Amino acid sequence: MKVYKLEVLIIDYDVNSVDEALNIINETRYANHTNVEAITCREADIGEWSDDNPLNYTSKVEKEMNRLFPGVKND
């Protein structure tokens, strides 16, 4: 399974490519004429998903994001 880093983290079995992750952001209609567009997207393979994955815990997400996406500040 892969995760995709834009300004949001997408974790979904049905998302299988960067294009699909970008489309979640780019094709969504937002209220009040808000324009949202993904500028960059990176992907990382996280292996088989389990509920004990660090990305499933707010207290562990930042550390895991730093591991998955080294050299990129993840705040």
N, C-alpha and C. Protein backbone atom coordinates (compact mmCIF):
# COMPACT_ATOMS: atom_id res chain seq x y z
N MET A 1 0.85 -1.17 0.00
CA MET A 1 0.00 0.00 0.00
C MET A 1 0.90 1.24 0.00
N LYS A 2 0.42 2.29 -0.63
CA LYS A 2 1.19 3.53 -0.68
C LYS A 2 0.43 4.65 0.00
N VAL A 3 1.19 5.63 0.47
CA VAL A 3 0.62 6.88 0.97
C VAL A 3 1.14 8.00 0.08
N TYR A 4 0.39 9.09 0.03
CA TYR A 4 0.72 10.20 -0.84
C TYR A 4 0.79 11.47 -0.02
N LYS A 5 1.88 12.23 -0.17
CA LYS A 5 2.06 13.45 0.61
C LYS A 5 1.86 14.66 -0.29
N LEU A 6 0.80 15.39 -0.01
CA LEU A 6 0.59 16.69 -0.60
C LEU A 6 0.68 17.62 0.61
N GLU A 7 -0.38 18.30 0.92
CA GLU A 7 -0.48 18.98 2.20
C GLU A 7 -1.37 18.17 3.13
N VAL A 8 -1.86 17.07 2.61
CA VAL A 8 -2.69 16.14 3.37
C VAL A 8 -2.11 14.75 3.18
N LEU A 9 -2.47 13.83 4.04
CA LEU A 9 -2.04 12.43 3.92
C LEU A 9 -3.26 11.62 3.52
N ILE A 10 -3.18 10.88 2.42
CA ILE A 10 -4.27 10.06 1.94
C ILE A 10 -3.91 8.60 2.20
N ILE A 11 -4.75 7.93 2.97
CA ILE A 11 -4.58 6.50 3.23
C ILE A 11 -5.88 5.84 2.82
N ASP A 12 -5.85 5.10 1.71
CA ASP A 12 -7.07 4.49 1.20
C ASP A 12 -6.69 3.32 0.30
N TYR A 13 -7.26 2.16 0.55
CA TYR A 13 -6.98 0.99 -0.29
C TYR A 13 -7.33 1.23 -1.75
N ASP A 14 -8.29 2.10 -2.03
CA ASP A 14 -8.75 2.32 -3.38
C ASP A 14 -7.90 3.30 -4.17
N VAL A 15 -6.94 3.96 -3.53
CA VAL A 15 -6.04 4.90 -4.22
C VAL A 15 -4.75 4.15 -4.53
N ASN A 16 -4.45 4.03 -5.83
CA ASN A 16 -3.31 3.22 -6.24
C ASN A 16 -2.28 3.95 -7.07
N SER A 17 -2.41 5.28 -7.18
CA SER A 17 -1.44 6.02 -7.97
C SER A 17 -1.43 7.48 -7.54
N VAL A 18 -0.37 8.18 -7.92
CA VAL A 18 -0.26 9.61 -7.63
C VAL A 18 -1.42 10.35 -8.31
N ASP A 19 -1.75 9.96 -9.54
CA ASP A 19 -2.85 10.63 -10.25
C ASP A 19 -4.16 10.49 -9.48
N GLU A 20 -4.45 9.32 -8.94
CA GLU A 20 -5.68 9.14 -8.16
C GLU A 20 -5.66 9.99 -6.89
N ALA A 21 -4.51 10.07 -6.23
CA ALA A 21 -4.40 10.91 -5.03
C ALA A 21 -4.60 12.38 -5.38
N LEU A 22 -3.98 12.82 -6.47
CA LEU A 22 -4.15 14.21 -6.90
C LEU A 22 -5.61 14.50 -7.26
N ASN A 23 -6.27 13.55 -7.90
CA ASN A 23 -7.66 13.75 -8.29
C ASN A 23 -8.59 13.92 -7.09
N ILE A 24 -8.28 13.29 -5.97
CA ILE A 24 -9.09 13.48 -4.78
C ILE A 24 -9.10 14.96 -4.40
N ILE A 25 -7.96 15.62 -4.53
CA ILE A 25 -7.87 17.04 -4.20
C ILE A 25 -8.37 17.90 -5.35
N ASN A 26 -7.89 17.63 -6.54
CA ASN A 26 -8.17 18.50 -7.68
C ASN A 26 -9.60 18.41 -8.20
N GLU A 27 -10.26 17.30 -8.02
CA GLU A 27 -11.60 17.12 -8.57
C GLU A 27 -12.72 17.33 -7.55
N THR A 28 -12.37 17.63 -6.30
CA THR A 28 -13.38 17.88 -5.29
C THR A 28 -13.92 19.29 -5.41
N ARG A 29 -15.22 19.45 -5.31
CA ARG A 29 -15.83 20.78 -5.32
C ARG A 29 -15.90 21.28 -3.88
N TYR A 30 -15.29 22.41 -3.65
CA TYR A 30 -15.26 23.01 -2.32
C TYR A 30 -16.27 24.16 -2.25
N ALA A 31 -16.72 24.44 -1.06
CA ALA A 31 -17.73 25.50 -0.85
C ALA A 31 -17.16 26.89 -1.14
N ASN A 32 -18.07 27.81 -1.42
CA ASN A 32 -17.75 29.24 -1.56
C ASN A 32 -16.69 29.54 -2.61
N HIS A 33 -16.70 28.81 -3.71
CA HIS A 33 -15.78 29.05 -4.82
C HIS A 33 -14.31 28.95 -4.42
N THR A 34 -14.01 28.13 -3.42
CA THR A 34 -12.63 27.93 -3.00
C THR A 34 -11.90 27.15 -4.09
N ASN A 35 -10.73 27.64 -4.49
CA ASN A 35 -9.92 26.96 -5.49
C ASN A 35 -8.80 26.22 -4.78
N VAL A 36 -8.79 24.89 -4.89
CA VAL A 36 -7.76 24.06 -4.27
C VAL A 36 -7.10 23.26 -5.37
N GLU A 37 -5.76 23.31 -5.43
CA GLU A 37 -5.03 22.58 -6.45
C GLU A 37 -3.76 22.02 -5.84
N ALA A 38 -3.52 20.74 -6.05
CA ALA A 38 -2.30 20.11 -5.57
C ALA A 38 -1.15 20.54 -6.48
N ILE A 39 -0.08 21.04 -5.90
CA ILE A 39 1.08 21.49 -6.67
C ILE A 39 2.14 20.39 -6.75
N THR A 40 2.40 19.73 -5.64
CA THR A 40 3.36 18.63 -5.62
C THR A 40 2.73 17.43 -4.92
N CYS A 41 3.21 16.26 -5.28
CA CYS A 41 2.73 15.04 -4.64
C CYS A 41 3.88 14.04 -4.62
N ARG A 42 4.15 13.47 -3.46
CA ARG A 42 5.17 12.44 -3.32
C ARG A 42 4.50 11.19 -2.81
N GLU A 43 5.08 10.02 -3.11
CA GLU A 43 4.50 8.77 -2.65
C GLU A 43 5.54 7.95 -1.90
N ALA A 44 5.05 7.11 -1.01
CA ALA A 44 5.92 6.19 -0.27
C ALA A 44 5.17 4.89 -0.07
N ASP A 45 5.88 3.78 -0.19
CA ASP A 45 5.28 2.47 0.02
C ASP A 45 5.34 2.15 1.51
N ILE A 46 4.19 1.81 2.10
CA ILE A 46 4.15 1.49 3.52
C ILE A 46 3.89 0.02 3.77
N GLY A 47 3.93 -0.79 2.72
CA GLY A 47 3.70 -2.22 2.88
C GLY A 47 2.24 -2.51 3.18
N GLU A 48 1.98 -3.63 3.78
CA GLU A 48 0.62 -4.05 4.11
C GLU A 48 0.08 -3.20 5.25
N TRP A 49 -1.15 -2.69 5.11
CA TRP A 49 -1.77 -1.85 6.14
C TRP A 49 -2.23 -2.70 7.31
N SER A 50 -2.01 -2.18 8.51
CA SER A 50 -2.60 -2.77 9.73
C SER A 50 -2.99 -1.61 10.63
N ASP A 51 -3.92 -1.85 11.51
CA ASP A 51 -4.41 -0.79 12.38
C ASP A 51 -3.34 -0.26 13.35
N ASP A 52 -2.26 -1.03 13.56
CA ASP A 52 -1.20 -0.53 14.44
C ASP A 52 -0.13 0.26 13.69
N ASN A 53 -0.37 0.58 12.41
CA ASN A 53 0.55 1.41 11.64
C ASN A 53 0.69 2.77 12.32
N PRO A 54 1.92 3.30 12.44
CA PRO A 54 2.13 4.60 13.08
C PRO A 54 1.32 5.74 12.46
N LEU A 55 0.98 5.63 11.17
CA LEU A 55 0.19 6.68 10.52
C LEU A 55 -1.26 6.71 11.04
N ASN A 56 -1.64 5.72 11.78
CA ASN A 56 -2.99 5.63 12.33
C ASN A 56 -3.09 6.31 13.70
N TYR A 57 -1.99 6.88 14.19
CA TYR A 57 -1.95 7.49 15.53
C TYR A 57 -1.40 8.91 15.44
N THR A 58 -2.20 9.88 15.88
CA THR A 58 -1.77 11.28 15.78
C THR A 58 -0.45 11.53 16.51
N SER A 59 -0.19 10.79 17.56
CA SER A 59 1.05 10.99 18.32
C SER A 59 2.29 10.45 17.58
N LYS A 60 2.09 9.66 16.53
CA LYS A 60 3.21 9.04 15.82
C LYS A 60 3.34 9.47 14.36
N VAL A 61 2.35 10.20 13.84
CA VAL A 61 2.33 10.55 12.41
C VAL A 61 3.56 11.35 11.99
N GLU A 62 3.91 12.37 12.73
CA GLU A 62 5.03 13.23 12.32
C GLU A 62 6.33 12.45 12.20
N LYS A 63 6.63 11.61 13.19
CA LYS A 63 7.86 10.82 13.16
C LYS A 63 7.85 9.86 11.97
N GLU A 64 6.72 9.22 11.72
CA GLU A 64 6.63 8.28 10.60
C GLU A 64 6.72 9.01 9.26
N MET A 65 6.11 10.18 9.15
CA MET A 65 6.21 10.96 7.92
C MET A 65 7.67 11.36 7.66
N ASN A 66 8.40 11.72 8.70
CA ASN A 66 9.80 12.07 8.55
C ASN A 66 10.61 10.86 8.08
N ARG A 67 10.24 9.67 8.53
CA ARG A 67 10.92 8.45 8.09
C ARG A 67 10.58 8.15 6.63
N LEU A 68 9.31 8.26 6.27
CA LEU A 68 8.86 7.93 4.92
C LEU A 68 9.32 8.95 3.88
N PHE A 69 9.42 10.21 4.29
CA PHE A 69 9.77 11.29 3.37
C PHE A 69 10.99 12.04 3.91
N PRO A 70 12.17 11.41 3.92
CA PRO A 70 13.36 12.07 4.46
C PRO A 70 13.74 13.30 3.67
N GLY A 71 14.28 14.27 4.38
CA GLY A 71 14.72 15.50 3.73
C GLY A 71 13.61 16.49 3.47
N VAL A 72 12.40 16.17 3.90
CA VAL A 72 11.26 17.06 3.73
C VAL A 72 10.70 17.34 5.10
N LYS A 73 10.59 18.62 5.44
CA LYS A 73 10.05 18.97 6.75
C LYS A 73 8.56 18.61 6.77
N ASN A 74 8.17 17.82 7.75
CA ASN A 74 6.79 17.35 7.86
C ASN A 74 6.14 17.93 9.09
N ASP A 75 5.59 19.17 8.99
CA ASP A 75 4.92 19.71 10.15
C ASP A 75 3.44 19.77 9.95
